Amino acid sequence: MQAISPSKLFSYAIAGVSVCAGVAVVTGLLHFNVPTQVRNTFGIVLILMGIYRFLITYWKPKPSKWRRLTNVDDEEE
């Protein structure tokens, strides 16, 4: 099994913090002096952003050996 790269670890951490902050805002643990609708909207946006960040990090394509060994991009004329 390969070790996780620092950039992936950082991305997963940001996704986790975003989801946790969104849940805390929606449930009222983090209280802001704003109307309830604004608080709920902000919380939902944070949750969705965290989910998006996790999925993008998880499904990011890995560079292939073939692409690195061939100079396909250099052959443009």
C-alpha atoms as a PDB file:
ATOM      1  CA  MET A   1       0.000   0.000   0.000  1.00  0.00           C
ATOM      2  CA  GLN A   2       1.306   3.424  -0.944  1.00  0.00           C
ATOM      3  CA  ALA A   3       1.681   6.221   1.570  1.00  0.00           C
ATOM      4  CA  ILE A   4      -0.760   9.082   1.185  1.00  0.00           C
ATOM      5  CA  SER A   5       0.771  12.221  -0.284  1.00  0.00           C
ATOM      6  CA  PRO A   6       0.816  15.404   1.829  1.00  0.00           C
ATOM      7  CA  SER A   7      -1.360  17.261  -0.683  1.00  0.00           C
ATOM      8  CA  LYS A   8      -4.061  14.579  -0.516  1.00  0.00           C
ATOM      9  CA  LEU A   9      -3.880  14.531   3.266  1.00  0.00           C
ATOM     10  CA  PHE A  10      -4.279  18.316   3.345  1.00  0.00           C
ATOM     11  CA  SER A  11      -7.243  18.150   0.943  1.00  0.00           C
ATOM     12  CA  TYR A  12      -8.975  15.483   3.036  1.00  0.00           C
ATOM     13  CA  ALA A  13      -8.370  17.572   6.171  1.00  0.00           C
ATOM     14  CA  ILE A  14      -9.877  20.677   4.548  1.00  0.00           C
ATOM     15  CA  ALA A  15     -12.887  18.632   3.428  1.00  0.00           C
ATOM     16  CA  GLY A  16     -13.380  17.276   6.953  1.00  0.00           C
ATOM     17  CA  VAL A  17     -13.059  20.697   8.574  1.00  0.00           C
ATOM     18  CA  SER A  18     -15.532  22.183   6.070  1.00  0.00           C
ATOM     19  CA  VAL A  19     -18.136  19.501   6.732  1.00  0.00           C
ATOM     20  CA  CYS A  20     -17.693  19.763  10.513  1.00  0.00           C
ATOM     21  CA  ALA A  21     -17.956  23.564  10.414  1.00  0.00           C
ATOM     22  CA  GLY A  22     -21.049  23.339   8.227  1.00  0.00           C
ATOM     23  CA  VAL A  23     -22.727  20.908  10.604  1.00  0.00           C
ATOM     24  CA  ALA A  24     -21.787  23.122  13.565  1.00  0.00           C
ATOM     25  CA  VAL A  25     -23.280  26.187  11.861  1.00  0.00           C
ATOM     26  CA  VAL A  26     -26.512  24.412  10.869  1.00  0.00           C
ATOM     27  CA  THR A  27     -27.025  22.891  14.331  1.00  0.00           C
ATOM     28  CA  GLY A  28     -26.291  26.195  16.072  1.00  0.00           C
ATOM     29  CA  LEU A  29     -23.053  25.223  17.830  1.00  0.00           C
ATOM     30  CA  LEU A  30     -21.343  28.117  16.070  1.00  0.00           C
ATOM     31  CA  HIS A  31     -23.688  31.012  16.663  1.00  0.00           C
ATOM     32  CA  PHE A  32     -23.617  34.097  14.467  1.00  0.00           C
ATOM     33  CA  ASN A  33     -25.840  37.150  14.820  1.00  0.00           C
ATOM     34  CA  VAL A  34     -27.544  36.639  11.473  1.00  0.00           C
ATOM     35  CA  PRO A  35     -31.025  35.501  10.481  1.00  0.00           C
ATOM     36  CA  THR A  36     -31.678  31.754  10.645  1.00  0.00           C
ATOM     37  CA  GLN A  37     -32.047  31.420   6.876  1.00  0.00           C
ATOM     38  CA  VAL A  38     -28.624  32.958   6.277  1.00  0.00           C
ATOM     39  CA  ARG A  39     -27.031  30.693   8.898  1.00  0.00           C
ATOM     40  CA  ASN A  40     -28.633  27.575   7.411  1.00  0.00           C
ATOM     41  CA  THR A  41     -27.634  28.562   3.870  1.00  0.00           C
ATOM     42  CA  PHE A  42     -24.041  29.166   4.913  1.00  0.00           C
ATOM     43  CA  GLY A  43     -23.930  25.861   6.781  1.00  0.00           C
ATOM     44  CA  ILE A  44     -25.310  23.907   3.842  1.00  0.00           C
ATOM     45  CA  VAL A  45     -22.837  25.559   1.480  1.00  0.00           C
ATOM     46  CA  LEU A  46     -19.972  24.549   3.785  1.00  0.00           C
ATOM     47  CA  ILE A  47     -21.218  20.956   3.929  1.00  0.00           C
ATOM     48  CA  LEU A  48     -21.575  20.742   0.142  1.00  0.00           C
ATOM     49  CA  MET A  49     -18.152  22.310  -0.354  1.00  0.00           C
ATOM     50  CA  GLY A  50     -16.596  19.708   1.942  1.00  0.00           C
ATOM     51  CA  ILE A  51     -18.307  16.850   0.115  1.00  0.00           C
ATOM     52  CA  TYR A  52     -17.202  18.271  -3.244  1.00  0.00           C
ATOM     53  CA  ARG A  53     -13.619  18.656  -2.010  1.00  0.00           C
ATOM     54  CA  PHE A  54     -13.551  15.063  -0.743  1.00  0.00           C
ATOM     55  CA  LEU A  55     -14.921  13.629  -4.000  1.00  0.00           C
ATOM     56  CA  ILE A  56     -12.578  15.660  -6.202  1.00  0.00           C
ATOM     57  CA  THR A  57      -9.591  14.544  -4.122  1.00  0.00           C
ATOM     58  CA  TYR A  58     -10.704  10.911  -4.071  1.00  0.00           C
ATOM     59  CA  TRP A  59     -11.394  10.675  -7.813  1.00  0.00           C
ATOM     60  CA  LYS A  60      -8.428  12.737  -9.027  1.00  0.00           C
ATOM     61  CA  PRO A  61      -6.785  10.751 -11.833  1.00  0.00           C
ATOM     62  CA  LYS A  62      -3.311   9.465 -11.176  1.00  0.00           C
ATOM     63  CA  PRO A  63      -0.653  10.268 -13.771  1.00  0.00           C
ATOM     64  CA  SER A  64       0.123   7.257 -15.925  1.00  0.00           C
ATOM     65  CA  LYS A  65       3.602   5.960 -16.694  1.00  0.00           C
ATOM     66  CA  TRP A  66       2.814   5.935 -20.401  1.00  0.00           C
ATOM     67  CA  ARG A  67       2.002   9.634 -20.428  1.00  0.00           C
ATOM     68  CA  ARG A  68       5.280  10.482 -18.688  1.00  0.00           C
ATOM     69  CA  LEU A  69       7.398   8.318 -20.998  1.00  0.00           C
ATOM     70  CA  THR A  70       5.932   9.675 -24.208  1.00  0.00           C
ATOM     71  CA  ASN A  71       6.264  13.296 -25.159  1.00  0.00           C
ATOM     72  CA  VAL A  72       2.883  13.615 -26.802  1.00  0.00           C
ATOM     73  CA  ASP A  73       2.489  17.256 -25.830  1.00  0.00           C
ATOM     74  CA  ASP A  74       5.907  18.172 -27.262  1.00  0.00           C
ATOM     75  CA  GLU A  75       5.050  16.900 -30.765  1.00  0.00           C
ATOM     76  CA  GLU A  76       2.591  19.684 -31.591  1.00  0.00           C
ATOM     77  CA  GLU A  77       3.340  21.342 -34.908  1.00  0.00           C
END
